[in-house]
Structures are given as C-alpha cells and as structure tokens.
Amino acid sequence: MCIATPKIQATTPQRLVLQLAVCVFMEAFCFGAVYLGLWLLGVDYVFSPQGSNPYLSTTIFDTTWWTWLTDYAVAAMCAFMAWRLATCSGDWGVKWPGMALMLAYSIPTLLGGMVHQAAGHWGVEALNSGLLGWGWVFTSAMVGLQGGVMLFIARGYLVNQTRLRFPLLVLSNEACWAHTVLVVLGVLAGVFRCTRPAADIFLLGVTQAWPVMYVMAALASGTTACSFTSAWCAGSFALLSPTILIYPLLVDAGFVVGHINCFLHAVIFVAWFGQGLGVLRVAETPVKQE
C-alpha cells in the first residue's frame, strides 16, 4: 500500500535546524555504535587519535604496489562509471549526484595511490608537510564529501516520487550541503586524524553510515525503481559497512598491511561498481505519471 508523497516545502530556518539536528544525532549514534563495537572487539587502538603530532618514520603507512596499484584500478573503474552516468539519458536529479559520487570516489583513490607510491620514495615523514601532506589532507577531504553526495542521491530519488510506500523525511538541499561542509571542516581541523593514516579513511567512512541508511530507506520507500534494482543498489551501498570492523581485526591478527589493503580494495571495487551500476539503473528508470 502506498501513501501520497508529502509536498516538498520551502526550507525555513526552523526546518533546517531540525534537519541538521537529525543529521548530528544520526552521526553521533553511528560513531557511538562503531566505537562500542571496536571496544568490545578490543581493536579500538587501531584508531588512536594522532592530533597535531607529526608522523614518525615508524608510522605504519604501506608503500607497496599491493596498495597503490589496486588504488589505481579502483580509481579507473570509478572514473568510467562517472562517465557512464554523465552520458546516460536518465533523471538529472539522480544522475548528477551519482556522477559526483563516482568522481568523489575516483579522485581521492587516485591521489591516495599516488601518495602511497610517493611515500615509498620520500618517506612517511613527508606526510607532515609539503605536497605529500596536503595531498593526503585533500584525499581525506574528498572522502568526507562522499556521505553528503549520498544524501543528494536519496533526495533526488525521493523528490521525483509520486507515491511512497512509507513516510520518509526528504532532506533539503541546504541540509545536504551543511552535512557535507561540516564533515570536510572536521577533516581540515584534524578531527579524523589517526596514528595510522589509513585509519583516517575508515573513520571517515563512519560519516557515510547514516547516509547509506538514508539511501536504502529512500529506495525501499520509492516506487519507480523495480525491486531488483532497488535491492541491488541498496546492497551495494551496504556492502562496505563491515569493513570498519574487518580492517582492525586483520591488523590485530598480524596480516601484512599491503595484503590487507589489496583485499579491502577488491571489496571496494565490487561495492563501488555495484553502486555506480545501481544508481545508473535508478536514474534511467522513467518516472510514472499518476
């Protein structure tokens, strides 16, 4: 049974504050749940904060081809999916944030690979300043953008629905932008900086947890995309969720860092390809006029 879609109302300061409060609450809930899980598993030390302290020569930062070559493979695939979304004839409200998400995946992955490769020549201490240091900050900031872009995908899908299966809050553009900016500012302020630089990325992945939930809820509530496409897309977005726990467990077990990164990049490749293909299919689904 479907219910009528609520009319998208103009954003007032009161509504914006309410929506931002929802964003903050969901972020706090997700971080609390993740850190509780890490603590219970005894691997929370992997995400020890670095603060403003400089990285040392002993800092664990893999520089082998296992990491940077697989980074390049993931970046190339995401760039291709961005091109496919840019050239498809689908709904602009879904395909533009989908294209932006693929670029937000491709660019930092490419830069991350370059930083990992360059650190093998210049040393991990080069992450403290200069080109390599700013390259890693920019990489992290681009990762911080991804959750906000996911919110835009969900919003773009919801606003085109003439019927919903269940009521769902439609976030405003302003709330999506505000969430994105706040996370990026957190990156620049060093909030997500860990003693293991790679852990920064996983910690930033937690900021995508509730946007992923929102995308999944939007796909479940909407009626234009077929059940298989919705399930495919939602599953692809959810696929990376366990990696926040798998990564520290593999580190704690003593696996070689390069091998861990290669395995996780393979999972990322499958998940992001699935996301790109799923968003492409959702964007190309014609909106039913009722």
Protein backbone atom coordinates (compact mmCIF):
# COMPACT_ATOMS: atom_id res chain seq x y z
CA MET A 1 0.00 0.00 0.00
CA CYS A 2 1.32 3.45 -0.94
CA ILE A 3 0.70 6.83 0.59
CA ALA A 4 0.84 10.21 -1.10
CA THR A 5 4.23 11.87 -1.20
CA PRO A 6 4.41 14.91 1.10
CA LYS A 7 4.80 18.16 -0.77
CA ILE A 8 8.39 19.44 -0.77
CA GLN A 9 8.15 22.62 1.26
CA ALA A 10 10.42 25.64 1.22
CA THR A 11 13.28 25.41 3.70
CA THR A 12 12.77 27.68 6.68
CA PRO A 13 15.41 28.25 9.39
CA GLN A 14 13.34 26.10 11.76
CA ARG A 15 13.14 23.19 9.32
CA LEU A 16 16.85 23.46 8.53
CA VAL A 17 17.77 23.38 12.22
CA LEU A 18 15.53 20.33 12.71
CA GLN A 19 17.09 18.51 9.76
CA LEU A 20 20.60 19.35 10.92
CA ALA A 21 19.70 18.06 14.37
CA VAL A 22 18.65 14.78 12.75
CA CYS A 23 21.99 14.64 10.88
CA VAL A 24 24.02 15.29 14.04
CA PHE A 25 22.03 12.75 16.07
CA MET A 26 22.47 10.05 13.41
CA GLU A 27 26.21 10.74 13.11
CA ALA A 28 26.61 10.55 16.90
CA PHE A 29 24.60 7.33 17.01
CA CYS A 30 26.68 5.70 14.24
CA PHE A 31 30.02 6.73 15.77
CA GLY A 32 28.88 5.55 19.18
CA ALA A 33 27.80 2.17 17.80
CA VAL A 34 31.04 1.72 15.86
CA TYR A 35 33.31 2.63 18.77
CA LEU A 36 31.34 0.35 21.06
CA GLY A 37 31.89 -2.49 18.59
CA LEU A 38 35.61 -1.71 18.28
CA TRP A 39 35.97 -1.58 22.07
CA LEU A 40 34.14 -4.87 22.55
CA LEU A 41 36.43 -6.49 19.97
CA GLY A 42 39.48 -4.96 21.65
CA VAL A 43 40.74 -3.28 18.46
CA ASP A 44 39.86 0.36 19.16
CA TYR A 45 43.61 1.11 19.48
CA VAL A 46 43.90 0.95 15.67
CA PHE A 47 42.01 4.25 15.55
CA SER A 48 44.07 6.05 18.19
CA PRO A 49 43.96 9.82 17.54
CA GLN A 50 47.07 11.46 16.18
CA GLY A 51 46.01 15.01 16.90
CA SER A 52 48.55 17.61 15.77
CA ASN A 53 51.53 15.33 16.45
CA PRO A 54 53.80 14.73 13.45
CA TYR A 55 54.01 11.34 11.77
CA LEU A 56 57.25 9.50 12.55
CA SER A 57 59.40 7.22 10.40
CA THR A 58 57.87 4.30 12.34
CA THR A 59 54.32 5.28 11.35
CA ILE A 60 52.62 2.37 9.58
CA PHE A 61 51.81 3.51 6.04
CA ASP A 62 52.07 0.93 3.27
CA THR A 63 54.08 1.89 0.20
CA THR A 64 53.97 -1.39 -1.74
CA TRP A 65 52.27 -1.99 -5.08
CA TRP A 66 49.65 -4.10 -3.31
CA THR A 67 48.16 -0.80 -2.13
CA TRP A 68 48.83 1.81 -4.79
CA LEU A 69 48.26 -0.36 -7.88
CA THR A 70 44.87 -1.52 -6.61
CA ASP A 71 44.09 2.12 -5.76
CA TYR A 72 44.66 2.99 -9.42
CA ALA A 73 42.41 0.15 -10.58
CA VAL A 74 39.56 1.32 -8.35
CA ALA A 75 40.05 4.95 -9.46
CA ALA A 76 39.92 3.98 -13.16
CA MET A 77 36.70 1.99 -12.69
CA CYS A 78 35.02 4.85 -10.80
CA ALA A 79 36.06 7.34 -13.49
CA PHE A 80 34.45 5.08 -16.10
CA MET A 81 31.23 4.84 -14.08
CA ALA A 82 31.21 8.64 -13.69
CA TRP A 83 31.44 8.93 -17.49
CA ARG A 84 28.59 6.43 -17.94
CA LEU A 85 26.37 8.42 -15.59
CA ALA A 86 27.30 11.71 -17.25
CA THR A 87 26.33 10.40 -20.69
CA CYS A 88 23.17 8.49 -19.76
CA SER A 89 19.73 9.90 -20.51
CA GLY A 90 18.40 9.37 -17.00
CA ASP A 91 16.88 11.66 -14.40
CA TRP A 92 19.22 14.58 -13.69
CA GLY A 93 18.27 14.71 -10.01
CA VAL A 94 19.73 11.21 -9.52
CA LYS A 95 22.46 11.02 -12.14
CA TRP A 96 24.32 14.23 -11.23
CA PRO A 97 24.93 13.25 -7.59
CA GLY A 98 25.66 9.70 -8.82
CA MET A 99 28.29 11.09 -11.18
CA ALA A 100 29.62 13.31 -8.37
CA LEU A 101 29.84 10.30 -6.05
CA MET A 102 31.84 8.29 -8.58
CA LEU A 103 34.23 11.25 -9.01
CA ALA A 104 34.40 11.65 -5.22
CA TYR A 105 35.49 8.01 -5.16
CA SER A 106 37.86 8.19 -8.14
CA ILE A 107 39.80 11.36 -7.35
CA PRO A 108 40.80 10.61 -3.73
CA THR A 109 41.55 6.97 -4.60
CA LEU A 110 43.84 8.12 -7.39
CA LEU A 111 45.50 10.68 -5.10
CA GLY A 112 45.73 8.12 -2.30
CA GLY A 113 47.53 5.72 -4.61
CA MET A 114 49.94 8.47 -5.66
CA VAL A 115 50.62 9.38 -2.01
CA HIS A 116 51.23 5.74 -1.06
CA GLN A 117 53.59 5.32 -4.01
CA ALA A 118 55.41 8.62 -3.39
CA ALA A 119 55.84 7.88 0.31
CA GLY A 120 57.94 4.90 -0.70
CA HIS A 121 60.49 7.34 -2.16
CA TRP A 122 60.20 10.29 0.24
CA GLY A 123 59.42 8.51 3.49
CA VAL A 124 56.31 8.61 5.68
CA GLU A 125 57.59 11.79 7.40
CA ALA A 126 56.76 13.64 4.16
CA LEU A 127 53.09 13.39 5.16
CA ASN A 128 53.71 16.08 7.79
CA SER A 129 54.03 18.94 5.32
CA GLY A 130 54.55 19.91 1.72
CA LEU A 131 52.95 18.40 -1.36
CA LEU A 132 52.53 14.92 0.10
CA GLY A 133 50.97 16.20 3.30
CA TRP A 134 48.45 18.41 1.54
CA GLY A 135 47.78 15.60 -0.91
CA TRP A 136 46.72 13.34 1.95
CA VAL A 137 44.57 16.09 3.52
CA PHE A 138 42.85 16.68 0.18
CA THR A 139 42.35 12.93 -0.22
CA SER A 140 40.70 12.75 3.21
CA ALA A 141 38.55 15.82 2.49
CA MET A 142 37.29 14.23 -0.73
CA VAL A 143 36.35 11.11 1.23
CA GLY A 144 34.48 13.40 3.61
CA LEU A 145 32.37 14.64 0.69
CA GLN A 146 31.02 11.20 -0.13
CA GLY A 147 28.39 10.92 2.60
CA GLY A 148 26.85 14.25 1.67
CA VAL A 149 26.67 13.27 -2.01
CA MET A 150 24.83 10.09 -0.99
CA LEU A 151 22.23 12.29 0.73
CA PHE A 152 21.77 14.15 -2.56
CA ILE A 153 21.21 10.84 -4.39
CA ALA A 154 18.48 9.85 -1.94
CA ARG A 155 16.90 13.29 -2.11
CA GLY A 156 16.98 13.34 -5.92
CA TYR A 157 15.19 10.00 -5.99
CA LEU A 158 12.57 10.93 -3.38
CA VAL A 159 11.52 14.26 -4.89
CA ASN A 160 10.54 12.53 -8.14
CA GLN A 161 8.26 10.01 -6.46
CA THR A 162 4.52 10.42 -6.85
CA ARG A 163 3.88 7.73 -4.23
CA LEU A 164 5.85 6.41 -1.26
CA ARG A 165 5.46 3.05 0.47
CA PHE A 166 6.04 4.69 3.86
CA PRO A 167 6.62 8.27 5.11
CA LEU A 168 10.20 9.47 4.90
CA LEU A 169 11.78 12.83 5.68
CA VAL A 170 13.01 14.49 2.49
CA LEU A 171 16.14 16.43 3.38
CA SER A 172 16.56 19.87 1.87
CA ASN A 173 19.48 20.81 -0.37
CA GLU A 174 20.69 23.10 2.40
CA ALA A 175 20.81 20.25 4.93
CA CYS A 176 22.72 18.01 2.49
CA TRP A 177 25.24 20.78 1.83
CA ALA A 178 25.57 21.60 5.52
CA HIS A 179 26.29 17.95 6.38
CA THR A 180 28.94 17.82 3.65
CA VAL A 181 30.63 21.06 4.72
CA LEU A 182 30.70 20.11 8.41
CA VAL A 183 32.42 16.78 7.70
CA VAL A 184 35.00 18.43 5.43
CA LEU A 185 35.69 21.10 8.08
CA GLY A 186 36.20 18.27 10.56
CA VAL A 187 38.82 16.80 8.23
CA LEU A 188 40.63 20.11 7.91
CA ALA A 189 40.54 20.54 11.71
CA GLY A 190 42.19 17.14 12.18
CA VAL A 191 39.21 15.52 13.91
CA PHE A 192 39.65 12.27 11.96
CA ARG A 193 43.47 12.16 12.09
CA CYS A 194 44.72 8.80 13.44
CA THR A 195 48.15 7.39 14.29
CA ARG A 196 47.72 5.12 11.26
CA PRO A 197 47.00 7.45 8.31
CA ALA A 198 44.95 4.76 6.53
CA ALA A 199 42.67 4.58 9.58
CA ASP A 200 41.61 8.17 8.80
CA ILE A 201 39.79 6.89 5.73
CA PHE A 202 37.95 4.16 7.60
CA LEU A 203 36.95 6.60 10.32
CA LEU A 204 35.61 8.96 7.67
CA GLY A 205 33.67 6.01 6.31
CA VAL A 206 31.60 6.09 9.50
CA THR A 207 30.26 9.51 8.40
CA GLN A 208 28.73 7.65 5.45
CA ALA A 209 26.89 5.13 7.63
CA TRP A 210 23.66 7.00 8.06
CA PRO A 211 23.67 8.45 4.51
CA VAL A 212 23.84 4.82 3.34
CA MET A 213 20.86 4.04 5.58
CA TYR A 214 19.02 7.04 4.10
CA VAL A 215 19.71 5.85 0.53
CA MET A 216 18.46 2.37 1.43
CA ALA A 217 15.33 3.81 3.06
CA ALA A 218 14.67 6.03 0.03
CA LEU A 219 14.96 3.07 -2.35
CA ALA A 220 12.66 0.99 -0.14
CA SER A 221 10.09 3.78 0.10
CA GLY A 222 10.12 4.83 -3.55
CA THR A 223 8.06 3.03 -6.17
CA THR A 224 9.59 3.90 -9.56
CA ALA A 225 12.66 1.63 -9.46
CA CYS A 226 11.96 -2.10 -9.70
CA SER A 227 12.54 -4.29 -6.65
CA PHE A 228 15.65 -5.93 -8.12
CA THR A 229 17.27 -2.57 -8.97
CA SER A 230 16.45 -1.17 -5.52
CA ALA A 231 17.83 -4.28 -3.79
CA TRP A 232 20.98 -4.29 -5.97
CA CYS A 233 21.66 -0.61 -5.32
CA ALA A 234 20.91 -0.82 -1.59
CA GLY A 235 23.05 -3.94 -1.19
CA SER A 236 25.98 -2.31 -2.96
CA PHE A 237 25.81 0.69 -0.64
CA ALA A 238 25.67 -1.57 2.42
CA LEU A 239 28.49 -3.90 1.29
CA LEU A 240 31.30 -1.82 2.79
CA SER A 241 29.68 -1.44 6.22
CA PRO A 242 31.51 -4.41 7.85
CA THR A 243 34.96 -3.18 6.73
CA ILE A 244 35.18 -0.74 9.66
CA LEU A 245 35.40 -3.83 11.89
CA ILE A 246 37.21 -6.16 9.45
CA TYR A 247 40.14 -3.75 8.95
CA PRO A 248 41.23 -3.52 12.62
CA LEU A 249 40.66 -7.26 13.11
CA LEU A 250 43.01 -8.05 10.21
CA VAL A 251 45.57 -5.57 11.58
CA ASP A 252 45.29 -7.10 15.04
CA ALA A 253 45.76 -10.59 13.57
CA GLY A 254 49.13 -9.52 12.14
CA PHE A 255 48.38 -9.69 8.42
CA VAL A 256 50.72 -7.79 6.10
CA VAL A 257 49.34 -4.24 5.64
CA GLY A 258 49.72 -4.31 1.86
CA HIS A 259 47.76 -7.56 1.64
CA ILE A 260 45.02 -6.13 3.87
CA ASN A 261 44.75 -3.07 1.65
CA CYS A 262 44.64 -5.20 -1.50
CA PHE A 263 41.82 -7.33 -0.10
CA LEU A 264 39.84 -4.30 1.04
CA HIS A 265 40.36 -2.57 -2.31
CA ALA A 266 38.91 -5.64 -4.02
CA VAL A 267 35.81 -5.37 -1.82
CA ILE A 268 35.64 -1.63 -2.53
CA PHE A 269 35.91 -2.28 -6.29
CA VAL A 270 32.90 -4.62 -6.19
CA ALA A 271 30.86 -2.31 -3.94
CA TRP A 272 31.52 0.90 -5.85
CA PHE A 273 30.96 -0.73 -9.23
CA GLY A 274 27.67 -2.05 -7.90
CA GLN A 275 26.75 1.41 -6.60
CA GLY A 276 27.55 3.07 -9.92
CA LEU A 277 25.58 0.50 -11.90
CA GLY A 278 22.69 0.64 -9.43
CA VAL A 279 22.44 4.43 -9.47
CA LEU A 280 22.66 4.34 -13.29
CA ARG A 281 19.70 1.95 -13.46
CA VAL A 282 17.71 4.02 -10.95
CA ALA A 283 18.43 7.21 -12.91
CA GLU A 284 17.33 5.59 -16.18
CA THR A 285 14.03 4.36 -14.69
CA PRO A 286 11.24 6.57 -16.08
CA VAL A 287 9.06 8.31 -13.52
CA LYS A 288 5.47 7.09 -13.70
CA GLN A 289 2.91 9.84 -14.12
CA GLU A 290 -0.19 9.34 -11.96
